[in-house]
């Protein structure tokens, strides 16, 4: 009886141990499966991140190429012959976007500064002293004012030269004052000299004095 009872307990324990072993094995397999799923998810996330980075780099490259096509045009002198405020503002915006990563963009930005200075519009590259050329309204007004100033200077230049022109030896003619005679007609008449009689300014023929032997002018 006792041995039969003991044999039954052993069988129960054996079954329990088998069940426990199976559970542990299943748990281990489940954990391994979860770990594998986690690793796969991380790999997918990494790949997706790489894909996104690749897409971003491609977009940046396309944007840079598009902006480079804009500011590269400003490097040609003939482009400036017909460039307006909107064109210049577009170049400034494109070059300013890439000036810190592309030396060519920085050079194009300096070209804009130099060309505007030639037109009479001075721009602070740092954007602190003056508005940015990206402000098309401000740039258009500044270009118009500079052009008007050049036109006014061009009109007043010939007039000033004509007013300042005078006959050699004469000063400029001042309104309200009589015109000065030429230099040759303004020579001072010299005072009486040898051979002048009584201040009349008429020189007579010379004759010899009988007593002193000195030639004197004949007064007629």
Protein backbone atom coordinates (compact mmCIF):
# COMPACT_ATOMS: atom_id res chain seq x y z
CA UNK A 1 0.00 0.00 0.00
CA UNK A 2 2.72 2.38 0.99
CA UNK A 3 4.86 1.51 -1.98
CA UNK A 4 1.90 1.90 -4.30
CA UNK A 5 1.11 5.26 -2.77
CA UNK A 6 4.76 6.31 -3.07
CA UNK A 7 4.82 5.21 -6.67
CA UNK A 8 1.80 7.43 -7.37
CA UNK A 9 3.50 10.46 -5.86
CA UNK A 10 6.58 9.91 -7.91
CA UNK A 11 4.48 9.81 -11.02
CA UNK A 12 2.77 13.05 -10.04
CA UNK A 13 6.07 14.74 -9.35
CA UNK A 14 7.39 13.47 -12.64
CA UNK A 15 4.44 14.94 -14.45
CA UNK A 16 4.81 18.19 -12.54
CA UNK A 17 8.48 18.41 -13.36
CA UNK A 18 7.67 17.73 -16.99
CA UNK A 19 5.05 20.44 -17.00
CA UNK A 20 7.38 22.90 -15.28
CA UNK A 21 10.14 22.07 -17.74
CA UNK A 22 7.76 22.57 -20.64
CA UNK A 23 6.61 25.87 -19.21
CA UNK A 24 10.17 27.07 -18.70
CA UNK A 25 11.08 25.94 -22.17
CA UNK A 26 8.07 27.70 -23.64
CA UNK A 27 8.86 30.82 -21.62
CA UNK A 28 12.41 30.80 -22.87
CA UNK A 29 11.25 30.33 -26.43
CA UNK A 30 8.68 33.07 -25.96
CA UNK A 31 11.32 35.42 -24.59
CA UNK A 32 13.63 34.58 -27.46
CA UNK A 33 10.83 35.20 -29.89
CA UNK A 34 10.04 38.55 -28.28
CA UNK A 35 13.70 39.50 -28.41
CA UNK A 36 13.88 38.57 -32.07
CA UNK A 37 10.76 40.61 -32.77
CA UNK A 38 12.27 43.55 -30.94
CA UNK A 39 15.51 43.26 -32.88
CA UNK A 40 13.59 43.07 -36.14
CA UNK A 41 11.58 46.14 -35.18
CA UNK A 42 14.75 48.05 -34.35
CA UNK A 43 16.27 47.01 -37.64
CA UNK A 44 13.23 48.21 -39.50
CA UNK A 45 13.31 51.50 -37.59
CA UNK A 46 16.98 51.96 -38.42
CA UNK A 47 16.34 51.21 -42.06
CA UNK A 48 13.41 53.58 -42.15
CA UNK A 49 15.54 56.27 -40.52
CA UNK A 50 18.25 55.69 -43.10
CA UNK A 51 15.67 55.93 -45.84
CA UNK A 52 14.36 59.17 -44.39
CA UNK A 53 17.87 60.56 -44.10
CA UNK A 54 18.53 59.58 -47.70
CA UNK A 55 15.34 61.28 -48.78
CA UNK A 56 16.20 64.40 -46.80
CA UNK A 57 19.70 64.51 -48.31
CA UNK A 58 18.22 64.11 -51.75
CA UNK A 59 15.75 66.91 -51.13
CA UNK A 60 18.51 69.15 -49.78
CA UNK A 61 20.62 68.38 -52.82
CA UNK A 62 17.74 69.26 -55.14
CA UNK A 63 17.05 72.47 -53.23
CA UNK A 64 20.73 73.44 -53.34
CA UNK A 65 20.91 72.77 -57.07
CA UNK A 66 17.81 74.88 -57.66
CA UNK A 67 19.18 77.77 -55.58
CA UNK A 68 22.61 77.43 -57.20
CA UNK A 69 21.01 77.87 -60.60
CA UNK A 70 19.53 81.14 -59.31
CA UNK A 71 22.60 82.70 -57.72
CA UNK A 72 24.97 81.37 -60.36
CA UNK A 73 23.20 83.56 -62.93
CA UNK A 74 24.18 86.66 -60.95
CA UNK A 75 27.84 85.85 -61.49
CA UNK A 76 27.47 86.79 -65.17
CA UNK A 77 27.80 90.54 -65.89
CA UNK A 78 25.19 90.44 -68.66
CA UNK A 79 22.57 89.22 -66.16
CA UNK A 80 22.72 92.56 -64.35
CA UNK A 81 21.77 94.53 -67.46
CA UNK A 82 18.13 93.52 -67.12
CA UNK A 83 17.96 92.39 -63.48
CA UNK A 84 15.16 93.98 -61.46
CA UNK A 85 14.50 94.19 -57.74
CA UNK A 86 12.66 90.85 -57.66
CA UNK A 87 15.49 89.10 -59.51
CA UNK A 88 18.12 90.54 -57.19
CA UNK A 89 16.05 89.68 -54.11
CA UNK A 90 15.67 86.10 -55.33
CA UNK A 91 19.43 85.79 -55.82
CA UNK A 92 20.12 87.24 -52.39
CA UNK A 93 17.73 84.80 -50.73
CA UNK A 94 19.19 81.80 -52.58
CA UNK A 95 22.81 82.77 -51.87
CA UNK A 96 22.13 83.60 -48.21
CA UNK A 97 20.62 80.14 -47.65
CA UNK A 98 23.86 78.37 -48.58
CA UNK A 99 26.56 80.95 -47.84
CA UNK A 100 27.81 79.07 -44.76
CA UNK A 101 28.12 75.69 -46.49
CA UNK A 102 29.01 76.69 -50.05
CA UNK A 103 31.78 79.25 -50.71
CA UNK A 104 30.37 79.87 -54.18
CA UNK A 105 27.10 81.03 -52.64
CA UNK A 106 29.02 83.40 -50.36
CA UNK A 107 30.87 84.77 -53.40
CA UNK A 108 27.58 85.33 -55.25
CA UNK A 109 26.23 87.17 -52.23
CA UNK A 110 29.26 89.50 -52.27
CA UNK A 111 28.70 90.10 -55.99
CA UNK A 112 25.21 91.34 -55.15
CA UNK A 113 26.65 93.72 -52.56
CA UNK A 114 29.24 95.08 -55.02
CA UNK A 115 26.82 95.45 -57.93
CA UNK A 116 24.26 97.26 -55.83
CA UNK A 117 26.98 99.60 -54.56
CA UNK A 118 27.81 100.44 -58.19
CA UNK A 119 24.16 101.40 -58.66
CA UNK A 120 24.24 103.62 -55.60
CA UNK A 121 22.52 101.22 -53.18
CA UNK A 122 24.70 100.24 -50.23
CA UNK A 123 23.81 97.04 -48.39
CA UNK A 124 25.14 95.76 -45.08
CA UNK A 125 25.99 92.05 -45.63
CA UNK A 126 25.22 91.35 -41.98
CA UNK A 127 21.78 92.91 -42.38
CA UNK A 128 22.16 95.16 -39.33
CA UNK A 129 22.65 98.64 -40.79
CA UNK A 130 20.27 98.38 -43.76
CA UNK A 131 17.29 96.23 -44.72
CA UNK A 132 18.01 93.06 -46.64
CA UNK A 133 17.80 93.00 -50.45
CA UNK A 134 15.37 90.16 -49.88
CA UNK A 135 12.89 92.94 -49.08
CA UNK A 136 11.85 93.59 -52.67
CA UNK A 137 9.79 96.69 -51.84
CA UNK A 138 12.70 98.38 -50.06
CA UNK A 139 15.17 97.37 -52.77
CA UNK A 140 12.91 98.66 -55.54
CA UNK A 141 12.55 102.05 -53.84
CA UNK A 142 16.29 102.26 -53.18
CA UNK A 143 17.12 101.48 -56.82
CA UNK A 144 14.60 104.06 -58.05
CA UNK A 145 16.01 106.74 -55.76
CA UNK A 146 19.57 105.96 -56.83
CA UNK A 147 18.59 106.11 -60.52
CA UNK A 148 16.83 109.45 -59.99
CA UNK A 149 19.90 110.83 -58.26
CA UNK A 150 22.15 109.76 -61.14
CA UNK A 151 19.77 111.30 -63.68
CA UNK A 152 19.67 114.59 -61.78
CA UNK A 153 23.44 114.65 -61.53
CA UNK A 154 23.71 113.95 -65.24
CA UNK A 155 21.43 116.88 -66.09
CA UNK A 156 23.10 119.35 -63.75
CA UNK A 157 26.62 118.39 -64.83
CA UNK A 158 26.58 119.97 -68.33
CA UNK A 159 24.76 123.06 -67.04
CA UNK A 160 27.34 123.56 -64.33
CA UNK A 161 30.14 123.18 -66.85
CA UNK A 162 28.51 125.68 -69.23
CA UNK A 163 28.00 128.19 -66.41
CA UNK A 164 31.58 127.80 -65.31
CA UNK A 165 33.08 128.19 -68.77
CA UNK A 166 34.65 131.59 -69.52
CA UNK A 167 37.00 133.18 -72.00
CA UNK A 168 40.61 132.46 -71.03
CA UNK A 169 41.80 135.15 -68.67
CA UNK A 170 38.26 136.08 -67.60
CA UNK A 171 36.28 135.01 -64.56
CA UNK A 172 32.78 133.60 -64.70
CA UNK A 173 30.03 136.02 -65.67
CA UNK A 174 27.87 136.93 -62.68
CA UNK A 175 24.32 138.02 -63.29
CA UNK A 176 23.82 141.70 -62.51
CA UNK A 177 27.46 142.68 -63.11
CA UNK A 178 28.74 144.21 -66.36
CA UNK A 179 30.80 141.92 -68.51
CA UNK A 180 34.53 142.43 -68.14
CA UNK A 181 36.56 143.54 -71.11
CA UNK A 182 39.19 141.22 -72.52
CA UNK A 183 42.52 141.23 -70.83
CA UNK A 184 44.23 142.95 -73.77
CA UNK A 185 41.80 145.92 -73.61
CA UNK A 186 42.21 146.20 -69.85
CA UNK A 187 45.95 146.90 -69.93
CA UNK A 188 46.79 149.96 -67.80
CA UNK A 189 48.03 152.92 -69.78
CA UNK A 190 51.56 153.69 -68.81
CA UNK A 191 52.51 157.13 -67.52
CA UNK A 192 54.67 159.68 -69.33
CA UNK A 193 58.05 158.42 -70.38
CA UNK A 194 60.97 159.61 -72.39
CA UNK A 195 59.91 161.24 -75.61
CA UNK A 196 56.42 162.27 -74.31
CA UNK A 197 55.67 165.97 -74.41
CA UNK A 198 53.32 167.58 -71.92
CA UNK A 199 51.45 164.38 -71.35
CA UNK A 200 49.81 164.69 -74.79
CA UNK A 201 51.24 161.40 -75.83
CA UNK A 202 52.46 162.59 -79.24
CA UNK A 203 56.10 162.08 -80.05
CA UNK A 204 57.60 164.79 -82.33
CA UNK A 205 60.68 164.55 -84.48
CA UNK A 206 63.96 164.91 -82.64
CA UNK A 207 66.34 167.91 -83.16
CA UNK A 208 69.66 168.90 -81.66
CA UNK A 209 69.93 171.77 -79.21
CA UNK A 210 72.49 174.23 -80.46
CA UNK A 211 73.75 175.19 -76.99
CA UNK A 212 73.87 171.88 -75.09
CA UNK A 213 74.09 169.38 -77.90
CA UNK A 214 71.21 167.27 -76.42
CA UNK A 215 68.56 165.96 -78.74
CA UNK A 216 65.05 167.19 -77.92
CA UNK A 217 61.69 166.38 -79.35
CA UNK A 218 60.09 168.83 -81.67
CA UNK A 219 56.72 169.94 -80.42
CA UNK A 220 55.67 171.27 -83.78
